[in-house]
Amino acid sequence: MSGELSNIIIWAENKPGVFFRILWLFRRKQFNIESATVGHSETPGISRFTITVYGHHEQITNMVKQVRKLVNVVKAESLQSEMLVLRELALMKVAVKNVREKSNILRVIEHFRGRCINMAKNSLIIEVTGDENKIDAFYENMKDFVMLEFVRTGRTALFK
């Protein structure tokens, strides 16, 4: 689906099957979800979803209206990125051959204000948080090393 990248924030009761129903609706409307994060919110019993999709304004508006109709959904909004503070978390496991390579890796981590959260004899696990551009740039800078694993969360957001 073409269009612009949109952020849909959904508050829903934390009950079994709610996430499935929300995702099923996106699938039925033929949206490809770029990222989806969900977790507990500041309100007990309510989960907050941040779903990122490509779509035209009318498509997104209609999708939000459909989501609002779902049982257990308390609130749903589509918001421009400028109205939000957006972050991602990335974890990367990198092979380390020698002390010099380890030093070079730690220099890259420091440049991106990341953290080494696990240091084994032959590998490091790195944590970096930031916007998508920062995570992409970090990934590109780490291509010179042997990446064993890489995972990123996708967008999570708060109102400014």
C-alpha atoms as a PDB file:
ATOM      1  CA  MET A   1       0.000   0.000   0.000  1.00  0.00           C
ATOM      2  CA  SER A   2       1.416   3.392  -0.891  1.00  0.00           C
ATOM      3  CA  GLY A   3       1.013   6.711   0.851  1.00  0.00           C
ATOM      4  CA  GLU A   4       2.763   8.132   3.849  1.00  0.00           C
ATOM      5  CA  LEU A   5       3.911   6.430   7.028  1.00  0.00           C
ATOM      6  CA  SER A   6       1.214   6.927   9.661  1.00  0.00           C
ATOM      7  CA  ASN A   7       1.072   6.324  13.398  1.00  0.00           C
ATOM      8  CA  ILE A   8      -2.084   4.829  14.852  1.00  0.00           C
ATOM      9  CA  ILE A   9      -2.307   4.848  18.640  1.00  0.00           C
ATOM     10  CA  ILE A  10      -4.900   2.523  20.181  1.00  0.00           C
ATOM     11  CA  TRP A  11      -5.942   2.091  23.798  1.00  0.00           C
ATOM     12  CA  ALA A  12      -7.739  -1.189  24.455  1.00  0.00           C
ATOM     13  CA  GLU A  13      -8.741  -3.377  27.371  1.00  0.00           C
ATOM     14  CA  ASN A  14      -6.028  -5.850  28.250  1.00  0.00           C
ATOM     15  CA  LYS A  15      -8.006  -9.007  27.495  1.00  0.00           C
ATOM     16  CA  PRO A  16      -7.255 -12.178  25.519  1.00  0.00           C
ATOM     17  CA  GLY A  17      -7.855 -11.871  21.779  1.00  0.00           C
ATOM     18  CA  VAL A  18      -7.886  -8.067  21.554  1.00  0.00           C
ATOM     19  CA  PHE A  19      -4.525  -7.809  19.771  1.00  0.00           C
ATOM     20  CA  PHE A  20      -5.589 -10.557  17.346  1.00  0.00           C
ATOM     21  CA  ARG A  21      -8.833  -8.737  16.478  1.00  0.00           C
ATOM     22  CA  ILE A  22      -6.969  -5.484  15.860  1.00  0.00           C
ATOM     23  CA  LEU A  23      -4.363  -7.173  13.646  1.00  0.00           C
ATOM     24  CA  TRP A  24      -7.050  -9.142  11.816  1.00  0.00           C
ATOM     25  CA  LEU A  25      -8.853  -5.892  10.953  1.00  0.00           C
ATOM     26  CA  PHE A  26      -5.641  -4.422   9.495  1.00  0.00           C
ATOM     27  CA  ARG A  27      -5.131  -7.602   7.460  1.00  0.00           C
ATOM     28  CA  ARG A  28      -8.725  -7.589   6.240  1.00  0.00           C
ATOM     29  CA  LYS A  29      -8.336  -3.982   5.057  1.00  0.00           C
ATOM     30  CA  GLN A  30      -5.079  -5.034   3.310  1.00  0.00           C
ATOM     31  CA  PHE A  31      -2.703  -2.873   5.342  1.00  0.00           C
ATOM     32  CA  ASN A  32       0.854  -4.064   5.747  1.00  0.00           C
ATOM     33  CA  ILE A  33       1.885  -3.240   9.297  1.00  0.00           C
ATOM     34  CA  GLU A  34       5.401  -1.778   9.318  1.00  0.00           C
ATOM     35  CA  SER A  35       5.692  -2.068  13.100  1.00  0.00           C
ATOM     36  CA  ALA A  36       3.479  -2.728  16.091  1.00  0.00           C
ATOM     37  CA  THR A  37       4.379  -2.267  19.733  1.00  0.00           C
ATOM     38  CA  VAL A  38       2.069  -2.920  22.637  1.00  0.00           C
ATOM     39  CA  GLY A  39       2.361  -2.762  26.386  1.00  0.00           C
ATOM     40  CA  HIS A  40       0.661  -1.703  29.568  1.00  0.00           C
ATOM     41  CA  SER A  41      -0.362   1.944  29.774  1.00  0.00           C
ATOM     42  CA  GLU A  42      -0.623   4.346  32.695  1.00  0.00           C
ATOM     43  CA  THR A  43      -4.217   3.132  33.195  1.00  0.00           C
ATOM     44  CA  PRO A  44      -4.539  -0.283  34.892  1.00  0.00           C
ATOM     45  CA  GLY A  45      -6.162  -2.852  32.616  1.00  0.00           C
ATOM     46  CA  ILE A  46      -5.565  -0.789  29.450  1.00  0.00           C
ATOM     47  CA  SER A  47      -2.891  -1.613  26.876  1.00  0.00           C
ATOM     48  CA  ARG A  48      -1.478   0.940  24.464  1.00  0.00           C
ATOM     49  CA  PHE A  49      -0.696  -0.024  20.881  1.00  0.00           C
ATOM     50  CA  THR A  50       1.495   1.965  18.498  1.00  0.00           C
ATOM     51  CA  ILE A  51       0.904   0.677  14.971  1.00  0.00           C
ATOM     52  CA  THR A  52       2.791   2.093  11.996  1.00  0.00           C
ATOM     53  CA  VAL A  53       1.383   1.638   8.488  1.00  0.00           C
ATOM     54  CA  TYR A  54       1.646   3.195   5.047  1.00  0.00           C
ATOM     55  CA  GLY A  55      -1.539   4.680   3.673  1.00  0.00           C
ATOM     56  CA  HIS A  56      -3.271   7.712   2.282  1.00  0.00           C
ATOM     57  CA  HIS A  57      -4.998  10.070   4.719  1.00  0.00           C
ATOM     58  CA  GLU A  58      -8.502   8.843   3.801  1.00  0.00           C
ATOM     59  CA  GLN A  59      -7.486   5.191   4.195  1.00  0.00           C
ATOM     60  CA  ILE A  60      -5.946   5.843   7.606  1.00  0.00           C
ATOM     61  CA  THR A  61      -8.956   7.868   8.770  1.00  0.00           C
ATOM     62  CA  ASN A  62     -11.298   5.049   7.723  1.00  0.00           C
ATOM     63  CA  MET A  63      -9.071   2.454   9.406  1.00  0.00           C
ATOM     64  CA  VAL A  64      -9.143   4.360  12.703  1.00  0.00           C
ATOM     65  CA  LYS A  65     -12.960   4.561  12.505  1.00  0.00           C
ATOM     66  CA  GLN A  66     -13.111   0.780  12.007  1.00  0.00           C
ATOM     67  CA  VAL A  67     -10.726   0.136  14.925  1.00  0.00           C
ATOM     68  CA  ARG A  68     -12.864   2.316  17.219  1.00  0.00           C
ATOM     69  CA  LYS A  69     -15.828   0.014  16.530  1.00  0.00           C
ATOM     70  CA  LEU A  70     -14.023  -3.069  17.847  1.00  0.00           C
ATOM     71  CA  VAL A  71     -15.148  -4.484  21.167  1.00  0.00           C
ATOM     72  CA  ASN A  72     -12.621  -3.696  23.947  1.00  0.00           C
ATOM     73  CA  VAL A  73     -11.112  -0.703  22.094  1.00  0.00           C
ATOM     74  CA  VAL A  74     -11.344   2.343  24.350  1.00  0.00           C
ATOM     75  CA  LYS A  75      -9.805   4.948  22.030  1.00  0.00           C
ATOM     76  CA  ALA A  76      -7.953   5.121  18.697  1.00  0.00           C
ATOM     77  CA  GLU A  77      -6.211   8.025  16.974  1.00  0.00           C
ATOM     78  CA  SER A  78      -4.038   8.659  13.938  1.00  0.00           C
ATOM     79  CA  LEU A  79      -1.282  11.172  14.633  1.00  0.00           C
ATOM     80  CA  GLN A  80       1.407  12.898  12.609  1.00  0.00           C
ATOM     81  CA  SER A  81       4.975  12.052  13.632  1.00  0.00           C
ATOM     82  CA  GLU A  82       5.575  15.734  14.467  1.00  0.00           C
ATOM     83  CA  MET A  83       3.054  15.449  17.317  1.00  0.00           C
ATOM     84  CA  LEU A  84       4.862  12.502  18.897  1.00  0.00           C
ATOM     85  CA  VAL A  85       8.142  11.547  20.477  1.00  0.00           C
ATOM     86  CA  LEU A  86       9.042   8.345  18.622  1.00  0.00           C
ATOM     87  CA  ARG A  87      11.662   5.811  19.691  1.00  0.00           C
ATOM     88  CA  GLU A  88      12.837   2.333  18.797  1.00  0.00           C
ATOM     89  CA  LEU A  89      14.990  -0.128  20.671  1.00  0.00           C
ATOM     90  CA  ALA A  90      17.545  -2.254  18.838  1.00  0.00           C
ATOM     91  CA  LEU A  91      19.539  -5.186  20.184  1.00  0.00           C
ATOM     92  CA  MET A  92      22.521  -6.564  18.321  1.00  0.00           C
ATOM     93  CA  LYS A  93      24.836  -9.470  19.045  1.00  0.00           C
ATOM     94  CA  VAL A  94      28.264  -9.039  17.453  1.00  0.00           C
ATOM     95  CA  ALA A  95      31.155 -11.504  17.214  1.00  0.00           C
ATOM     96  CA  VAL A  96      34.460 -10.264  18.633  1.00  0.00           C
ATOM     97  CA  LYS A  97      37.724 -11.733  17.306  1.00  0.00           C
ATOM     98  CA  ASN A  98      40.303  -9.758  19.278  1.00  0.00           C
ATOM     99  CA  VAL A  99      40.903  -6.815  21.609  1.00  0.00           C
ATOM    100  CA  ARG A 100      41.405  -4.343  18.756  1.00  0.00           C
ATOM    101  CA  GLU A 101      38.086  -5.253  17.137  1.00  0.00           C
ATOM    102  CA  LYS A 102      36.368  -5.036  20.526  1.00  0.00           C
ATOM    103  CA  SER A 103      37.789  -1.543  20.954  1.00  0.00           C
ATOM    104  CA  ASN A 104      36.516  -0.499  17.511  1.00  0.00           C
ATOM    105  CA  ILE A 105      33.048  -1.858  18.285  1.00  0.00           C
ATOM    106  CA  LEU A 106      32.944  -0.051  21.640  1.00  0.00           C
ATOM    107  CA  ARG A 107      33.881   3.187  19.863  1.00  0.00           C
ATOM    108  CA  VAL A 108      30.895   2.815  17.496  1.00  0.00           C
ATOM    109  CA  ILE A 109      28.616   2.033  20.448  1.00  0.00           C
ATOM    110  CA  GLU A 110      29.798   5.153  22.255  1.00  0.00           C
ATOM    111  CA  HIS A 111      29.254   7.297  19.160  1.00  0.00           C
ATOM    112  CA  PHE A 112      25.604   6.192  19.001  1.00  0.00           C
ATOM    113  CA  ARG A 113      25.168   6.481  22.786  1.00  0.00           C
ATOM    114  CA  GLY A 114      24.446   2.792  22.989  1.00  0.00           C
ATOM    115  CA  ARG A 115      25.276   0.378  25.769  1.00  0.00           C
ATOM    116  CA  CYS A 116      27.029  -2.938  25.880  1.00  0.00           C
ATOM    117  CA  ILE A 117      24.609  -4.984  27.992  1.00  0.00           C
ATOM    118  CA  ASN A 118      26.418  -8.333  27.812  1.00  0.00           C
ATOM    119  CA  MET A 119      30.080  -9.059  27.246  1.00  0.00           C
ATOM    120  CA  ALA A 120      31.091 -12.657  26.605  1.00  0.00           C
ATOM    121  CA  LYS A 121      34.479 -13.995  25.535  1.00  0.00           C
ATOM    122  CA  ASN A 122      33.680 -13.936  21.802  1.00  0.00           C
ATOM    123  CA  SER A 123      30.662 -11.640  21.536  1.00  0.00           C
ATOM    124  CA  LEU A 124      28.963  -8.457  22.700  1.00  0.00           C
ATOM    125  CA  ILE A 125      25.270  -7.679  23.005  1.00  0.00           C
ATOM    126  CA  ILE A 126      24.533  -4.028  22.296  1.00  0.00           C
ATOM    127  CA  GLU A 127      21.470  -1.912  23.064  1.00  0.00           C
ATOM    128  CA  VAL A 128      20.691   1.291  21.144  1.00  0.00           C
ATOM    129  CA  THR A 129      17.591   3.468  21.419  1.00  0.00           C
ATOM    130  CA  GLY A 130      16.565   6.335  19.183  1.00  0.00           C
ATOM    131  CA  ASP A 131      14.554   7.262  16.138  1.00  0.00           C
ATOM    132  CA  GLU A 132      14.529   5.110  12.998  1.00  0.00           C
ATOM    133  CA  ASN A 133      17.313   7.102  11.344  1.00  0.00           C
ATOM    134  CA  LYS A 134      19.624   6.565  14.305  1.00  0.00           C
ATOM    135  CA  ILE A 135      18.924   2.821  14.380  1.00  0.00           C
ATOM    136  CA  ASP A 136      19.464   2.589  10.600  1.00  0.00           C
ATOM    137  CA  ALA A 137      22.749   4.520  10.852  1.00  0.00           C
ATOM    138  CA  PHE A 138      23.928   2.336  13.733  1.00  0.00           C
ATOM    139  CA  TYR A 139      23.142  -0.799  11.707  1.00  0.00           C
ATOM    140  CA  GLU A 140      25.060   0.546   8.688  1.00  0.00           C
ATOM    141  CA  ASN A 141      28.089   1.360  10.847  1.00  0.00           C
ATOM    142  CA  MET A 142      28.082  -2.136  12.329  1.00  0.00           C
ATOM    143  CA  LYS A 143      28.174  -3.879   8.929  1.00  0.00           C
ATOM    144  CA  ASP A 144      31.989  -3.910   9.113  1.00  0.00           C
ATOM    145  CA  PHE A 145      31.710  -6.405  11.972  1.00  0.00           C
ATOM    146  CA  VAL A 146      30.226  -9.901  12.135  1.00  0.00           C
ATOM    147  CA  MET A 147      26.611  -9.517  13.240  1.00  0.00           C
ATOM    148  CA  LEU A 148      25.284 -12.695  14.808  1.00  0.00           C
ATOM    149  CA  GLU A 149      21.793 -11.420  15.588  1.00  0.00           C
ATOM    150  CA  PHE A 150      19.832  -8.194  15.192  1.00  0.00           C
ATOM    151  CA  VAL A 151      16.339  -7.212  16.294  1.00  0.00           C
ATOM    152  CA  ARG A 152      14.474  -3.919  16.610  1.00  0.00           C
ATOM    153  CA  THR A 153      11.157  -3.100  18.212  1.00  0.00           C
ATOM    154  CA  GLY A 154       9.591  -0.691  15.776  1.00  0.00           C
ATOM    155  CA  ARG A 155       8.079   2.619  16.807  1.00  0.00           C
ATOM    156  CA  THR A 156       6.708   3.341  20.206  1.00  0.00           C
ATOM    157  CA  ALA A 157       5.366   6.818  20.884  1.00  0.00           C
ATOM    158  CA  LEU A 158       4.221   9.397  23.398  1.00  0.00           C
ATOM    159  CA  PHE A 159       2.489  12.722  22.804  1.00  0.00           C
ATOM    160  CA  LYS A 160       4.711  15.794  22.967  1.00  0.00           C
END
